[in-house]
Amino acid sequence: MADQQWVQFKLAEMKTEVEGLRAMTYRACELYLQGQDVTELASMAKLKAGRLNRLVPDTCLQFWGGMGYTWENKVSRMYHDGRLASIMAAPTR
């Protein structure tokens, strides 16, 4: 029972983070359409999106255990693709 509560808590926590990002993105779009400078807000949303792109699949992968690493599992593909995206987006010197 406690394990199920932990899983439900983690899912609620991740969904809250995603909904916060969605609200920030919509707000940035509204302000942009009004002609305002949204550089700071867009940067904040991009940072949060990048972090969630790693956190959410990683956490979900742990729920699946060993099955999470099979290619048939969508979570595994999201984890793999998300890591690849973060490597490709890394700044170069």
PDB file of N, CA and C in Angstrom:
ATOM      1  N   MET A   1       0.817  -1.194   0.000  1.00  0.00           N
ATOM      2  CA  MET A   1       0.000   0.000   0.000  1.00  0.00           C
ATOM      3  C   MET A   1       0.863   1.262   0.000  1.00  0.00           C
ATOM      4  N   ALA A   2       1.912   1.272   0.806  1.00  0.00           N
ATOM      5  CA  ALA A   2       2.788   2.446   0.856  1.00  0.00           C
ATOM      6  C   ALA A   2       3.475   2.677  -0.476  1.00  0.00           C
ATOM      7  N   ASP A   3       3.841   1.595  -1.177  1.00  0.00           N
ATOM      8  CA  ASP A   3       4.460   1.736  -2.497  1.00  0.00           C
ATOM      9  C   ASP A   3       3.512   2.408  -3.479  1.00  0.00           C
ATOM     10  N   GLN A   4       2.250   2.018  -3.430  1.00  0.00           N
ATOM     11  CA  GLN A   4       1.272   2.631  -4.327  1.00  0.00           C
ATOM     12  C   GLN A   4       1.105   4.117  -4.005  1.00  0.00           C
ATOM     13  N   GLN A   5       1.133   4.468  -2.715  1.00  0.00           N
ATOM     14  CA  GLN A   5       1.017   5.870  -2.338  1.00  0.00           C
ATOM     15  C   GLN A   5       2.206   6.660  -2.856  1.00  0.00           C
ATOM     16  N   TRP A   6       3.390   6.071  -2.791  1.00  0.00           N
ATOM     17  CA  TRP A   6       4.584   6.758  -3.276  1.00  0.00           C
ATOM     18  C   TRP A   6       4.488   6.973  -4.774  1.00  0.00           C
ATOM     19  N   VAL A   7       4.051   5.947  -5.501  1.00  0.00           N
ATOM     20  CA  VAL A   7       3.903   6.075  -6.956  1.00  0.00           C
ATOM     21  C   VAL A   7       2.879   7.158  -7.280  1.00  0.00           C
ATOM     22  N   GLN A   8       1.744   7.152  -6.596  1.00  0.00           N
ATOM     23  CA  GLN A   8       0.726   8.168  -6.843  1.00  0.00           C
ATOM     24  C   GLN A   8       1.258   9.569  -6.530  1.00  0.00           C
ATOM     25  N   PHE A   9       2.030   9.683  -5.455  1.00  0.00           N
ATOM     26  CA  PHE A   9       2.621  10.971  -5.096  1.00  0.00           C
ATOM     27  C   PHE A   9       3.576  11.441  -6.195  1.00  0.00           C
ATOM     28  N   LYS A  10       4.453  10.560  -6.672  1.00  0.00           N
ATOM     29  CA  LYS A  10       5.417  10.937  -7.703  1.00  0.00           C
ATOM     30  C   LYS A  10       4.706  11.326  -8.999  1.00  0.00           C
ATOM     31  N   LEU A  11       3.665  10.580  -9.364  1.00  0.00           N
ATOM     32  CA  LEU A  11       2.910  10.919 -10.572  1.00  0.00           C
ATOM     33  C   LEU A  11       2.234  12.287 -10.428  1.00  0.00           C
ATOM     34  N   ALA A  12       1.646  12.541  -9.263  1.00  0.00           N
ATOM     35  CA  ALA A  12       1.008  13.848  -9.024  1.00  0.00           C
ATOM     36  C   ALA A  12       2.045  14.961  -9.044  1.00  0.00           C
ATOM     37  N   GLU A  13       3.212  14.695  -8.470  1.00  0.00           N
ATOM     38  CA  GLU A  13       4.277  15.694  -8.448  1.00  0.00           C
ATOM     39  C   GLU A  13       4.744  16.032  -9.865  1.00  0.00           C
ATOM     40  N   MET A  14       4.947  15.005 -10.679  1.00  0.00           N
ATOM     41  CA  MET A  14       5.401  15.246 -12.056  1.00  0.00           C
ATOM     42  C   MET A  14       4.325  15.956 -12.874  1.00  0.00           C
ATOM     43  N   LYS A  15       3.063  15.554 -12.691  1.00  0.00           N
ATOM     44  CA  LYS A  15       1.992  16.202 -13.446  1.00  0.00           C
ATOM     45  C   LYS A  15       1.868  17.669 -13.053  1.00  0.00           C
ATOM     46  N   THR A  16       2.067  17.967 -11.777  1.00  0.00           N
ATOM     47  CA  THR A  16       2.036  19.361 -11.311  1.00  0.00           C
ATOM     48  C   THR A  16       3.128  20.175 -11.988  1.00  0.00           C
ATOM     49  N   GLU A  17       4.321  19.601 -12.096  1.00  0.00           N
ATOM     50  CA  GLU A  17       5.437  20.286 -12.761  1.00  0.00           C
ATOM     51  C   GLU A  17       5.123  20.534 -14.237  1.00  0.00           C
ATOM     52  N   VAL A  18       4.568  19.535 -14.899  1.00  0.00           N
ATOM     53  CA  VAL A  18       4.232  19.669 -16.325  1.00  0.00           C
ATOM     54  C   VAL A  18       3.141  20.729 -16.515  1.00  0.00           C
ATOM     55  N   GLU A  19       2.136  20.728 -15.646  1.00  0.00           N
ATOM     56  CA  GLU A  19       1.068  21.729 -15.757  1.00  0.00           C
ATOM     57  C   GLU A  19       1.603  23.138 -15.491  1.00  0.00           C
ATOM     58  N   GLY A  20       2.559  23.260 -14.578  1.00  0.00           N
ATOM     59  CA  GLY A  20       3.194  24.559 -14.340  1.00  0.00           C
ATOM     60  C   GLY A  20       3.935  25.044 -15.578  1.00  0.00           C
ATOM     61  N   LEU A  21       4.631  24.130 -16.233  1.00  0.00           N
ATOM     62  CA  LEU A  21       5.328  24.471 -17.477  1.00  0.00           C
ATOM     63  C   LEU A  21       4.332  24.876 -18.557  1.00  0.00           C
ATOM     64  N   ARG A  22       3.228  24.153 -18.635  1.00  0.00           N
ATOM     65  CA  ARG A  22       2.198  24.484 -19.632  1.00  0.00           C
ATOM     66  C   ARG A  22       1.666  25.900 -19.402  1.00  0.00           C
ATOM     67  N   ALA A  23       1.387  26.239 -18.146  1.00  0.00           N
ATOM     68  CA  ALA A  23       0.883  27.574 -17.816  1.00  0.00           C
ATOM     69  C   ALA A  23       1.911  28.648 -18.168  1.00  0.00           C
ATOM     70  N   MET A  24       3.189  28.365 -17.878  1.00  0.00           N
ATOM     71  CA  MET A  24       4.247  29.324 -18.193  1.00  0.00           C
ATOM     72  C   MET A  24       4.362  29.522 -19.709  1.00  0.00           C
ATOM     73  N   THR A  25       4.231  28.449 -20.441  1.00  0.00           N
ATOM     74  CA  THR A  25       4.311  28.522 -21.905  1.00  0.00           C
ATOM     75  C   THR A  25       3.140  29.317 -22.478  1.00  0.00           C
ATOM     76  N   TYR A  26       1.929  29.033 -21.986  1.00  0.00           N
ATOM     77  CA  TYR A  26       0.758  29.780 -22.450  1.00  0.00           C
ATOM     78  C   TYR A  26       0.880  31.265 -22.119  1.00  0.00           C
ATOM     79  N   ARG A  27       1.406  31.556 -20.930  1.00  0.00           N
ATOM     80  CA  ARG A  27       1.579  32.954 -20.524  1.00  0.00           C
ATOM     81  C   ARG A  27       2.560  33.667 -21.455  1.00  0.00           C
ATOM     82  N   ALA A  28       3.666  32.979 -21.768  1.00  0.00           N
ATOM     83  CA  ALA A  28       4.651  33.558 -22.679  1.00  0.00           C
ATOM     84  C   ALA A  28       4.023  33.810 -24.050  1.00  0.00           C
ATOM     85  N   CYS A  29       3.205  32.891 -24.517  1.00  0.00           N
ATOM     86  CA  CYS A  29       2.540  33.065 -25.819  1.00  0.00           C
ATOM     87  C   CYS A  29       1.589  34.258 -25.796  1.00  0.00           C
ATOM     88  N   GLU A  30       0.823  34.392 -24.724  1.00  0.00           N
ATOM     89  CA  GLU A  30      -0.094  35.532 -24.601  1.00  0.00           C
ATOM     90  C   GLU A  30       0.665  36.856 -24.655  1.00  0.00           C
ATOM     91  N   LEU A  31       1.728  36.938 -23.871  1.00  0.00           N
ATOM     92  CA  LEU A  31       2.508  38.178 -23.831  1.00  0.00           C
ATOM     93  C   LEU A  31       3.177  38.462 -25.174  1.00  0.00           C
ATOM     94  N   TYR A  32       3.667  37.422 -25.832  1.00  0.00           N
ATOM     95  CA  TYR A  32       4.296  37.590 -27.145  1.00  0.00           C
ATOM     96  C   TYR A  32       3.288  38.136 -28.155  1.00  0.00           C
ATOM     97  N   LEU A  33       2.076  37.584 -28.134  1.00  0.00           N
ATOM     98  CA  LEU A  33       1.046  38.057 -29.059  1.00  0.00           C
ATOM     99  C   LEU A  33       0.636  39.501 -28.772  1.00  0.00           C
ATOM    100  N   GLN A  34       0.848  39.956 -27.539  1.00  0.00           N
ATOM    101  CA  GLN A  34       0.571  41.340 -27.177  1.00  0.00           C
ATOM    102  C   GLN A  34       1.746  42.257 -27.517  1.00  0.00           C
ATOM    103  N   GLY A  35       2.814  41.674 -28.061  1.00  0.00           N
ATOM    104  CA  GLY A  35       3.956  42.469 -28.479  1.00  0.00           C
ATOM    105  C   GLY A  35       4.988  42.720 -27.389  1.00  0.00           C
ATOM    106  N   GLN A  36       4.887  42.001 -26.280  1.00  0.00           N
ATOM    107  CA  GLN A  36       5.820  42.206 -25.175  1.00  0.00           C
ATOM    108  C   GLN A  36       7.063  41.328 -25.330  1.00  0.00           C
ATOM    109  N   ASP A  37       8.115  41.739 -24.665  1.00  0.00           N
ATOM    110  CA  ASP A  37       9.362  40.970 -24.662  1.00  0.00           C
ATOM    111  C   ASP A  37       9.195  39.775 -23.709  1.00  0.00           C
ATOM    112  N   VAL A  38       9.356  38.580 -24.234  1.00  0.00           N
ATOM    113  CA  VAL A  38       9.170  37.368 -23.423  1.00  0.00           C
ATOM    114  C   VAL A  38      10.471  36.574 -23.297  1.00  0.00           C
ATOM    115  N   THR A  39      11.598  37.232 -23.526  1.00  0.00           N
ATOM    116  CA  THR A  39      12.883  36.530 -23.500  1.00  0.00           C
ATOM    117  C   THR A  39      13.106  35.815 -22.174  1.00  0.00           C
ATOM    118  N   GLU A  40      12.891  36.511 -21.074  1.00  0.00           N
ATOM    119  CA  GLU A  40      13.127  35.897 -19.762  1.00  0.00           C
ATOM    120  C   GLU A  40      12.162  34.745 -19.498  1.00  0.00           C
ATOM    121  N   LEU A  41      10.889  34.958 -19.755  1.00  0.00           N
ATOM    122  CA  LEU A  41       9.881  33.926 -19.525  1.00  0.00           C
ATOM    123  C   LEU A  41      10.106  32.714 -20.432  1.00  0.00           C
ATOM    124  N   ALA A  42      10.462  32.955 -21.689  1.00  0.00           N
ATOM    125  CA  ALA A  42      10.737  31.861 -22.614  1.00  0.00           C
ATOM    126  C   ALA A  42      11.975  31.077 -22.181  1.00  0.00           C
ATOM    127  N   SER A  43      12.971  31.779 -21.680  1.00  0.00           N
ATOM    128  CA  SER A  43      14.175  31.106 -21.179  1.00  0.00           C
ATOM    129  C   SER A  43      13.856  30.247 -19.967  1.00  0.00           C
ATOM    130  N   MET A  44      12.997  30.749 -19.094  1.00  0.00           N
ATOM    131  CA  MET A  44      12.592  29.978 -17.918  1.00  0.00           C
ATOM    132  C   MET A  44      11.836  28.717 -18.340  1.00  0.00           C
ATOM    133  N   ALA A  45      10.942  28.859 -19.298  1.00  0.00           N
ATOM    134  CA  ALA A  45      10.172  27.713 -19.777  1.00  0.00           C
ATOM    135  C   ALA A  45      11.082  26.689 -20.461  1.00  0.00           C
ATOM    136  N   LYS A  46      12.044  27.166 -21.226  1.00  0.00           N
ATOM    137  CA  LYS A  46      12.972  26.261 -21.906  1.00  0.00           C
ATOM    138  C   LYS A  46      13.811  25.488 -20.891  1.00  0.00           C
ATOM    139  N   LEU A  47      14.269  26.161 -19.863  1.00  0.00           N
ATOM    140  CA  LEU A  47      15.043  25.502 -18.811  1.00  0.00           C
ATOM    141  C   LEU A  47      14.204  24.432 -18.120  1.00  0.00           C
ATOM    142  N   LYS A  48      12.980  24.788 -17.756  1.00  0.00           N
ATOM    143  CA  LYS A  48      12.097  23.837 -17.065  1.00  0.00           C
ATOM    144  C   LYS A  48      11.758  22.662 -17.975  1.00  0.00           C
ATOM    145  N   ALA A  49      11.515  22.931 -19.244  1.00  0.00           N
ATOM    146  CA  ALA A  49      11.189  21.860 -20.186  1.00  0.00           C
ATOM    147  C   ALA A  49      12.356  20.883 -20.328  1.00  0.00           C
ATOM    148  N   GLY A  50      13.555  21.414 -20.416  1.00  0.00           N
ATOM    149  CA  GLY A  50      14.725  20.538 -20.528  1.00  0.00           C
ATOM    150  C   GLY A  50      14.896  19.655 -19.309  1.00  0.00           C
ATOM    151  N   ARG A  51      14.674  20.220 -18.137  1.00  0.00           N
ATOM    152  CA  ARG A  51      14.801  19.429 -16.909  1.00  0.00           C
ATOM    153  C   ARG A  51      13.710  18.370 -16.813  1.00  0.00           C
ATOM    154  N   LEU A  52      12.480  18.748 -17.162  1.00  0.00           N
ATOM    155  CA  LEU A  52      11.392  17.779 -17.110  1.00  0.00           C
ATOM    156  C   LEU A  52      11.547  16.699 -18.177  1.00  0.00           C
ATOM    157  N   ASN A  53      12.171  17.057 -19.286  1.00  0.00           N
ATOM    158  CA  ASN A  53      12.420  16.091 -20.356  1.00  0.00           C
ATOM    159  C   ASN A  53      13.328  14.956 -19.880  1.00  0.00           C
ATOM    160  N   ARG A  54      14.119  15.224 -18.867  1.00  0.00           N
ATOM    161  CA  ARG A  54      14.965  14.175 -18.287  1.00  0.00           C
ATOM    162  C   ARG A  54      14.295  13.529 -17.081  1.00  0.00           C
ATOM    163  N   LEU A  55      13.663  14.348 -16.236  1.00  0.00           N
ATOM    164  CA  LEU A  55      13.096  13.855 -14.981  1.00  0.00           C
ATOM    165  C   LEU A  55      11.919  12.907 -15.187  1.00  0.00           C
ATOM    166  N   VAL A  56      10.962  13.285 -16.017  1.00  0.00           N
ATOM    167  CA  VAL A  56       9.735  12.502 -16.159  1.00  0.00           C
ATOM    168  C   VAL A  56      10.013  11.104 -16.726  1.00  0.00           C
ATOM    169  N   PRO A  57      10.720  10.968 -17.861  1.00  0.00           N
ATOM    170  CA  PRO A  57      10.994   9.609 -18.341  1.00  0.00           C
ATOM    171  C   PRO A  57      11.853   8.792 -17.368  1.00  0.00           C
ATOM    172  N   ASP A  58      12.812   9.448 -16.707  1.00  0.00           N
ATOM    173  CA  ASP A  58      13.656   8.730 -15.754  1.00  0.00           C
ATOM    174  C   ASP A  58      12.821   8.172 -14.607  1.00  0.00           C
ATOM    175  N   THR A  59      11.929   8.974 -14.064  1.00  0.00           N
ATOM    176  CA  THR A  59      11.080   8.523 -12.963  1.00  0.00           C
ATOM    177  C   THR A  59      10.129   7.418 -13.417  1.00  0.00           C
ATOM    178  N   CYS A  60       9.533   7.587 -14.580  1.00  0.00           N
ATOM    179  CA  CYS A  60       8.617   6.566 -15.100  1.00  0.00           C
ATOM    180  C   CYS A  60       9.360   5.263 -15.402  1.00  0.00           C
ATOM    181  N   LEU A  61      10.593   5.390 -15.857  1.00  0.00           N
ATOM    182  CA  LEU A  61      11.400   4.203 -16.133  1.00  0.00           C
ATOM    183  C   LEU A  61      11.603   3.395 -14.855  1.00  0.00           C
ATOM    184  N   GLN A  62      11.773   4.071 -13.741  1.00  0.00           N
ATOM    185  CA  GLN A  62      11.941   3.375 -12.471  1.00  0.00           C
ATOM    186  C   GLN A  62      10.670   2.649 -12.051  1.00  0.00           C
ATOM    187  N   PHE A  63       9.509   3.182 -12.405  1.00  0.00           N
ATOM    188  CA  PHE A  63       8.252   2.493 -12.101  1.00  0.00           C
ATOM    189  C   PHE A  63       8.178   1.159 -12.837  1.00  0.00           C
ATOM    190  N   TRP A  64       8.685   1.138 -14.067  1.00  0.00           N
ATOM    191  CA  TRP A  64       8.606  -0.061 -14.904  1.00  0.00           C
ATOM    192  C   TRP A  64       9.650  -1.108 -14.521  1.00  0.00           C
ATOM    193  N   GLY A  65      10.701  -0.708 -13.837  1.00  0.00           N
ATOM    194  CA  GLY A  65      11.753  -1.664 -13.485  1.00  0.00           C
ATOM    195  C   GLY A  65      12.479  -2.138 -14.732  1.00  0.00           C
ATOM    196  N   GLY A  66      12.829  -3.407 -14.782  1.00  0.00           N
ATOM    197  CA  GLY A  66      13.561  -3.974 -15.912  1.00  0.00           C
ATOM    198  C   GLY A  66      12.804  -3.876 -17.225  1.00  0.00           C
ATOM    199  N   MET A  67      11.481  -3.937 -17.175  1.00  0.00           N
ATOM    200  CA  MET A  67      10.680  -3.820 -18.402  1.00  0.00           C
ATOM    201  C   MET A  67      10.812  -2.434 -19.017  1.00  0.00           C
ATOM    202  N   GLY A  68      11.222  -1.462 -18.228  1.00  0.00           N
ATOM    203  CA  GLY A  68      11.361  -0.109 -18.737  1.00  0.00           C
ATOM    204  C   GLY A  68      12.468   0.036 -19.750  1.00  0.00           C
ATOM    205  N   TYR A  69      13.395  -0.909 -19.784  1.00  0.00           N
ATOM    206  CA  TYR A  69      14.531  -0.811 -20.694  1.00  0.00           C
ATOM    207  C   TYR A  69      14.296  -1.493 -22.034  1.00  0.00           C
ATOM    208  N   THR A  70      13.152  -2.130 -22.213  1.00  0.00           N
ATOM    209  CA  THR A  70      12.887  -2.790 -23.496  1.00  0.00           C
ATOM    210  C   THR A  70      12.468  -1.744 -24.525  1.00  0.00           C
ATOM    211  N   TRP A  71      12.865  -1.948 -25.765  1.00  0.00           N
ATOM    212  CA  TRP A  71      12.577  -0.973 -26.822  1.00  0.00           C
ATOM    213  C   TRP A  71      11.096  -0.867 -27.130  1.00  0.00           C
ATOM    214  N   GLU A  72      10.328  -1.908 -26.788  1.00  0.00           N
ATOM    215  CA  GLU A  72       8.889  -1.860 -27.048  1.00  0.00           C
ATOM    216  C   GLU A  72       8.185  -0.876 -26.108  1.00  0.00           C
ATOM    217  N   ASN A  73       8.849  -0.521 -25.029  1.00  0.00           N
ATOM    218  CA  ASN A  73       8.259   0.352 -24.023  1.00  0.00           C
ATOM    219  C   ASN A  73       8.463   1.814 -24.425  1.00  0.00           C
ATOM    220  N   LYS A  74       7.373   2.563 -24.502  1.00  0.00           N
ATOM    221  CA  LYS A  74       7.437   3.972 -24.902  1.00  0.00           C
ATOM    222  C   LYS A  74       8.293   4.791 -23.934  1.00  0.00           C
ATOM    223  N   VAL A  75       8.249   4.443 -22.645  1.00  0.00           N
ATOM    224  CA  VAL A  75       9.038   5.164 -21.639  1.00  0.00           C
ATOM    225  C   VAL A  75      10.525   5.032 -21.943  1.00  0.00           C
ATOM    226  N   SER A  76      10.951   3.836 -22.348  1.00  0.00           N
ATOM    227  CA  SER A  76      12.358   3.614 -22.683  1.00  0.00           C
ATOM    228  C   SER A  76      12.783   4.484 -23.855  1.00  0.00           C
ATOM    229  N   ARG A  77      11.930   4.565 -24.860  1.00  0.00           N
ATOM    230  CA  ARG A  77      12.252   5.401 -26.029  1.00  0.00           C
ATOM    231  C   ARG A  77      12.298   6.878 -25.643  1.00  0.00           C
ATOM    232  N   MET A  78      11.371   7.307 -24.789  1.00  0.00           N
ATOM    233  CA  MET A  78      11.370   8.705 -24.341  1.00  0.00           C
ATOM    234  C   MET A  78      12.637   9.007 -23.545  1.00  0.00           C
ATOM    235  N   TYR A  79      13.046   8.067 -22.693  1.00  0.00           N
ATOM    236  CA  TYR A  79      14.255   8.264 -21.897  1.00  0.00           C
ATOM    237  C   TYR A  79      15.472   8.369 -22.811  1.00  0.00           C
ATOM    238  N   HIS A  80      15.581   7.458 -23.746  1.00  0.00           N
ATOM    239  CA  HIS A  80      16.710   7.437 -24.678  1.00  0.00           C
ATOM    240  C   HIS A  80      16.741   8.701 -25.533  1.00  0.00           C
ATOM    241  N   ASP A  81      15.603   9.057 -26.107  1.00  0.00           N
ATOM    242  CA  ASP A  81      15.536  10.239 -26.974  1.00  0.00           C
ATOM    243  C   ASP A  81      15.769  11.527 -26.187  1.00  0.00           C
ATOM    244  N   GLY A  82      15.272  11.578 -24.961  1.00  0.00           N
ATOM    245  CA  GLY A  82      15.468  12.761 -24.126  1.00  0.00           C
ATOM    246  C   GLY A  82      16.924  12.963 -23.769  1.00  0.00           C
ATOM    247  N   ARG A  83      17.614  11.885 -23.468  1.00  0.00           N
ATOM    248  CA  ARG A  83      19.040  11.986 -23.153  1.00  0.00           C
ATOM    249  C   ARG A  83      19.807  12.433 -24.400  1.00  0.00           C
ATOM    250  N   LEU A  84      19.452  11.901 -25.540  1.00  0.00           N
ATOM    251  CA  LEU A  84      20.113  12.285 -26.773  1.00  0.00           C
ATOM    252  C   LEU A  84      19.898  13.768 -27.066  1.00  0.00           C
ATOM    253  N   ALA A  85      18.676  14.229 -26.844  1.00  0.00           N
ATOM    254  CA  ALA A  85      18.373  15.648 -27.087  1.00  0.00           C
ATOM    255  C   ALA A  85      19.187  16.548 -26.155  1.00  0.00           C
ATOM    256  N   SER A  86      19.342  16.128 -24.898  1.00  0.00           N
ATOM    257  CA  SER A  86      20.093  16.969 -23.970  1.00  0.00           C
ATOM    258  C   SER A  86      21.582  17.004 -24.323  1.00  0.00           C
ATOM    259  N   ILE A  87      22.074  15.925 -24.878  1.00  0.00           N
ATOM    260  CA  ILE A  87      23.483  15.901 -25.307  1.00  0.00           C
ATOM    261  C   ILE A  87      23.662  16.787 -26.533  1.00  0.00           C
ATOM    262  N   MET A  88      22.726  16.709 -27.470  1.00  0.00           N
ATOM    263  CA  MET A  88      22.842  17.504 -28.703  1.00  0.00           C
ATOM    264  C   MET A  88      22.672  18.982 -28.415  1.00  0.00           C
ATOM    265  N   ALA A  89      21.923  19.329 -27.367  1.00  0.00           N
ATOM    266  CA  ALA A  89      21.667  20.735 -27.056  1.00  0.00           C
ATOM    267  C   ALA A  89      22.734  21.329 -26.136  1.00  0.00           C
ATOM    268  N   ALA A  90      23.702  20.518 -25.744  1.00  0.00           N
ATOM    269  CA  ALA A  90      24.727  21.009 -24.835  1.00  0.00           C
ATOM    270  C   ALA A  90      25.560  22.092 -25.530  1.00  0.00           C
ATOM    271  N   PRO A  91      25.906  23.126 -24.785  1.00  0.00           N
ATOM    272  CA  PRO A  91      26.709  24.198 -25.400  1.00  0.00           C
ATOM    273  C   PRO A  91      28.105  23.691 -25.770  1.00  0.00           C
ATOM    274  N   THR A  92      28.623  24.222 -26.834  1.00  0.00           N
ATOM    275  CA  THR A  92      29.984  23.859 -27.263  1.00  0.00           C
ATOM    276  C   THR A  92      30.927  24.992 -26.905  1.00  0.00           C
ATOM    277  N   ARG A  93      32.174  24.653 -26.761  1.00  0.00           N
ATOM    278  CA  ARG A  93      33.161  25.677 -26.414  1.00  0.00           C
ATOM    279  C   ARG A  93      34.084  25.934 -27.554  1.00  0.00           C
TER     280      ARG A  93
END
